[in-house]
Protein backbone atom coordinates (compact mmCIF):
# COMPACT_ATOMS: atom_id res chain seq x y z
CA MET A 1 11.77 -6.35 10.39
CA THR A 2 8.71 -5.58 12.44
CA LYS A 3 8.65 -3.22 15.25
CA TYR A 4 7.05 -5.53 17.76
CA SER A 5 7.54 -9.27 17.98
CA SER A 6 4.66 -11.67 17.70
CA GLU A 7 5.44 -13.04 21.19
CA PHE A 8 5.18 -9.48 22.64
CA LYS A 9 1.80 -8.89 20.99
CA VAL A 10 0.40 -12.30 22.27
CA LYS A 11 1.75 -11.47 25.76
CA LEU A 12 -0.10 -8.12 25.73
CA VAL A 13 -3.37 -9.54 24.45
CA ARG A 14 -3.23 -12.37 27.07
CA GLU A 15 -2.52 -9.81 29.71
CA TRP A 16 -5.52 -7.81 28.57
CA ALA A 17 -7.73 -10.96 28.66
CA THR A 18 -6.58 -12.44 31.89
CA ASP A 19 -5.68 -9.50 34.12
CA GLY A 20 -8.66 -7.23 32.98
CA LEU A 21 -6.29 -4.26 32.11
CA SER A 22 -7.47 -1.68 29.68
CA SER A 23 -5.59 -0.99 26.54
CA TYR A 24 -4.67 2.46 28.05
CA GLN A 25 -3.26 0.92 31.13
CA LEU A 26 -1.21 -1.59 29.01
CA ALA A 27 -0.10 1.38 26.86
CA LYS A 28 1.26 3.15 29.84
CA LYS A 29 2.90 0.07 31.28
CA TYR A 30 4.70 -0.76 28.09
CA HIS A 31 5.26 2.87 26.81
CA LEU A 32 3.41 2.52 23.44
CA SER A 33 0.34 3.75 21.77
CA HIS A 34 -3.08 2.30 22.96
CA HIS A 35 -4.02 2.23 19.30
CA TYR A 36 -1.52 -0.62 18.67
CA ILE A 37 -2.88 -2.62 21.55
CA GLN A 38 -6.57 -2.05 20.61
CA TYR A 39 -5.68 -3.20 17.03
CA TRP A 40 -3.97 -6.32 18.26
CA ILE A 41 -6.83 -7.20 20.53
CA GLU A 42 -9.44 -6.74 17.92
CA GLN A 43 -7.36 -8.89 15.54
CA ALA A 44 -7.04 -11.56 18.02
CA ARG A 45 -10.69 -11.47 18.94
CA LEU A 46 -11.73 -11.66 15.16
CA GLN A 47 -9.13 -13.88 13.75
CA GLY A 48 -7.45 -15.75 16.76
CA ILE A 49 -4.16 -15.42 18.32
CA THR A 50 -2.40 -16.88 15.45
CA SER A 51 -3.25 -13.90 13.34
CA LEU A 52 -0.65 -11.97 15.42
CA GLN A 53 2.12 -14.07 13.89
CA HIS A 54 4.30 -12.46 11.25
CA ARG A 55 3.60 -13.31 7.70
CA ARG A 56 6.32 -14.67 5.64
CA VAL A 57 4.55 -14.51 2.27
CA LYS A 58 3.66 -11.40 0.40
CA ARG A 59 -0.12 -11.41 -0.34
CA THR A 60 -1.64 -10.01 -3.46
CA PHE A 61 -5.28 -8.94 -3.66
CA SER A 62 -7.69 -8.67 -6.60
CA ALA A 63 -9.23 -5.35 -7.39
CA ASP A 64 -12.68 -6.80 -6.68
CA PHE A 65 -11.55 -7.68 -3.14
CA LYS A 66 -10.18 -4.27 -2.53
CA LEU A 67 -13.30 -2.62 -3.89
CA SER A 68 -15.50 -4.78 -1.50
CA VAL A 69 -13.31 -3.80 1.50
CA ILE A 70 -13.59 -0.13 0.62
CA ASN A 71 -17.32 -0.51 0.23
CA TYR A 72 -17.72 -2.37 3.54
CA TYR A 73 -15.67 0.37 5.33
CA GLN A 74 -17.82 3.18 3.82
CA THR A 75 -21.24 1.50 4.35
CA HIS A 76 -20.57 0.17 7.95
CA GLU A 77 -19.91 2.30 10.99
CA GLU A 78 -16.68 0.74 11.98
CA SER A 79 -13.36 2.15 12.35
CA MET A 80 -10.59 1.27 9.83
CA ALA A 81 -8.75 -0.77 12.45
CA MET A 82 -11.85 -2.84 12.91
CA VAL A 83 -12.39 -3.38 9.32
CA ALA A 84 -8.76 -4.22 8.89
CA ALA A 85 -8.91 -6.67 11.77
CA LYS A 86 -11.94 -8.30 10.16
CA TYR A 87 -10.28 -8.83 6.72
CA ASP A 88 -6.92 -9.59 8.24
CA LEU A 89 -5.28 -6.53 6.67
CA LEU A 90 -3.32 -3.60 7.91
CA PRO A 91 -5.40 -0.34 8.35
CA ASN A 92 -2.78 1.47 6.26
CA GLN A 93 -3.64 -0.85 3.22
CA ILE A 94 -7.27 0.11 3.33
CA SER A 95 -6.24 3.77 3.50
CA HIS A 96 -4.12 3.40 0.40
CA TRP A 97 -6.77 1.57 -1.41
CA LYS A 98 -9.36 4.10 -0.58
CA ARG A 99 -7.16 6.99 -1.67
CA ASP A 100 -6.14 5.23 -4.96
CA PHE A 101 -9.89 4.49 -5.59
CA HIS A 102 -10.91 8.09 -5.18
CA GLN A 103 -8.04 9.29 -7.40
CA GLY A 104 -8.19 6.77 -10.19
CA GLY A 105 -11.37 4.64 -9.91
CA TYR A 106 -11.51 0.81 -10.29
CA GLN A 107 -8.63 0.93 -12.66
CA ALA A 108 -6.32 2.14 -9.92
CA LEU A 109 -7.08 -0.82 -7.78
CA LYS A 110 -5.84 -3.41 -10.36
CA PRO A 111 -2.39 -4.76 -9.67
CA HIS A 112 0.46 -3.03 -11.65
CA PRO A 113 3.65 -4.63 -12.72
CA LYS A 114 6.53 -3.69 -10.39
CA GLY A 115 10.11 -2.98 -11.21
CA ARG A 116 11.87 -2.27 -14.37
CA PRO A 117 10.62 -3.93 -17.52
CA PRO A 118 12.86 -6.82 -18.67
CA LYS A 119 15.05 -6.28 -21.62
CA ALA A 120 14.27 -8.07 -24.89
CA LYS A 121 16.11 -11.23 -25.40
CA LYS A 122 18.85 -11.26 -27.96
CA LYS A 123 16.93 -13.93 -29.90
CA ASN A 124 13.87 -11.76 -29.91
CA ARG A 125 15.91 -8.71 -30.99
CA LYS A 126 17.50 -10.79 -33.83
CA ALA A 127 14.17 -12.18 -34.89
CA LEU A 128 12.67 -8.68 -34.80
CA LYS A 129 15.50 -7.37 -36.92
CA LYS A 130 15.03 -10.32 -39.41
CA GLN A 131 11.25 -9.54 -39.49
CA VAL A 132 12.00 -5.89 -40.04
CA ASN A 133 14.48 -6.75 -42.75
CA LYS A 134 11.98 -9.11 -44.53
CA ASN A 135 9.34 -6.43 -44.36
CA GLU A 136 11.83 -3.89 -45.89
CA ILE A 137 12.89 -6.24 -48.40
CA GLU A 138 9.36 -6.92 -49.58
CA ARG A 139 8.54 -3.30 -49.62
CA LEU A 140 11.61 -2.54 -51.68
CA LYS A 141 10.74 -5.35 -54.05
CA GLU A 142 7.24 -4.01 -54.48
CA GLU A 143 8.60 -0.56 -55.04
CA LEU A 144 11.03 -1.85 -57.64
CA ALA A 145 8.28 -3.75 -59.46
CA GLN A 146 6.17 -0.55 -59.49
CA THR A 147 9.09 1.54 -60.87
CA LYS A 148 9.74 -1.13 -63.59
CA GLN A 149 6.04 -1.10 -64.59
CA GLU A 150 6.22 2.81 -64.83
CA LEU A 151 9.39 2.66 -66.85
CA TYR A 152 7.82 0.05 -69.14
CA ASP A 153 4.68 2.22 -69.64
CA VAL A 154 6.85 5.23 -70.47
CA LYS A 155 8.84 3.33 -72.96
CA MET A 156 5.70 2.06 -74.64
CA ASP A 157 4.23 5.49 -74.84
CA ARG A 158 7.56 6.73 -76.37
CA ASP A 159 7.56 3.84 -78.88
CA ILE A 160 3.95 4.51 -79.82
CA LEU A 161 4.77 8.25 -80.44
CA LYS A 162 7.75 7.41 -82.56
CA LYS A 163 5.70 4.92 -84.70
CA SER A 164 2.94 7.47 -85.06
CA LEU A 165 5.46 10.07 -86.17
CA ALA A 166 6.96 7.74 -88.72
CA LEU A 167 3.53 6.64 -90.05
CA PHE A 168 1.69 9.98 -90.04
CA GLY A 169 4.55 12.51 -90.32
CA PRO A 170 4.94 15.57 -88.09
CA SER A 171 1.93 17.20 -86.92
CA LYS A 172 0.74 20.57 -88.29
CA LEU A 173 1.07 22.08 -84.84
CA ASP A 174 4.95 21.48 -84.90
CA LYS A 175 5.19 23.48 -88.29
CA LYS A 176 3.41 26.44 -86.93
CA HIS A 177 5.61 26.64 -83.97
CA LYS A 178 8.87 26.42 -85.99
C-alpha cells in the first residue's frame, strides 16, 4: 500500500498549478515534505497527470537501461528526482542502481533470480539416478574387462614359464641359490 493516494497527489499538483502556491506552502498546508510535492509536480510536468497513478504491474529493467539512466544522471546536472521523473522511475531505484554499479560493475545491474531455487522434480531425480547408475555400470564393466585382460596376461606368462621350464630345464641360477 502506498503512503499517499493518487487522488491526493493529483489534487496537490492541480492546486499548485491553479492557485499558484509554492511546494513549500503546500507542504506546510498538508504537513508533509516539500520534496514529495516537488517530485510529484515534476513527474506530472514531464509525464502527465496519469503518471501519478499507482502501478499495478511490477516492471523489470534491462542492465543496459539501468546503465543509461546512471550515465544520464552522472553526465547531466539534474537532481536524482528530476532524472527519476524523466524516466518514470523512483529516485530510490536510481540510487540503488548507482550503488550496485559502483560496487559490482555492469554485472551487478543484470537481473538476478529471486527466491529459493526450485526443487528437482522426481522424474529428473530418477532419470539422474538412472544415468548415474548407467555410468557406474559402464565404468564397472570396463574395470572388469581390464581386470580379466590382466588376469589373462598373467596366466599366459605363467604358462609360458611352465613350458620353458619343462623344455629347457631349471636354470643355472636356481642351482646356485640352492
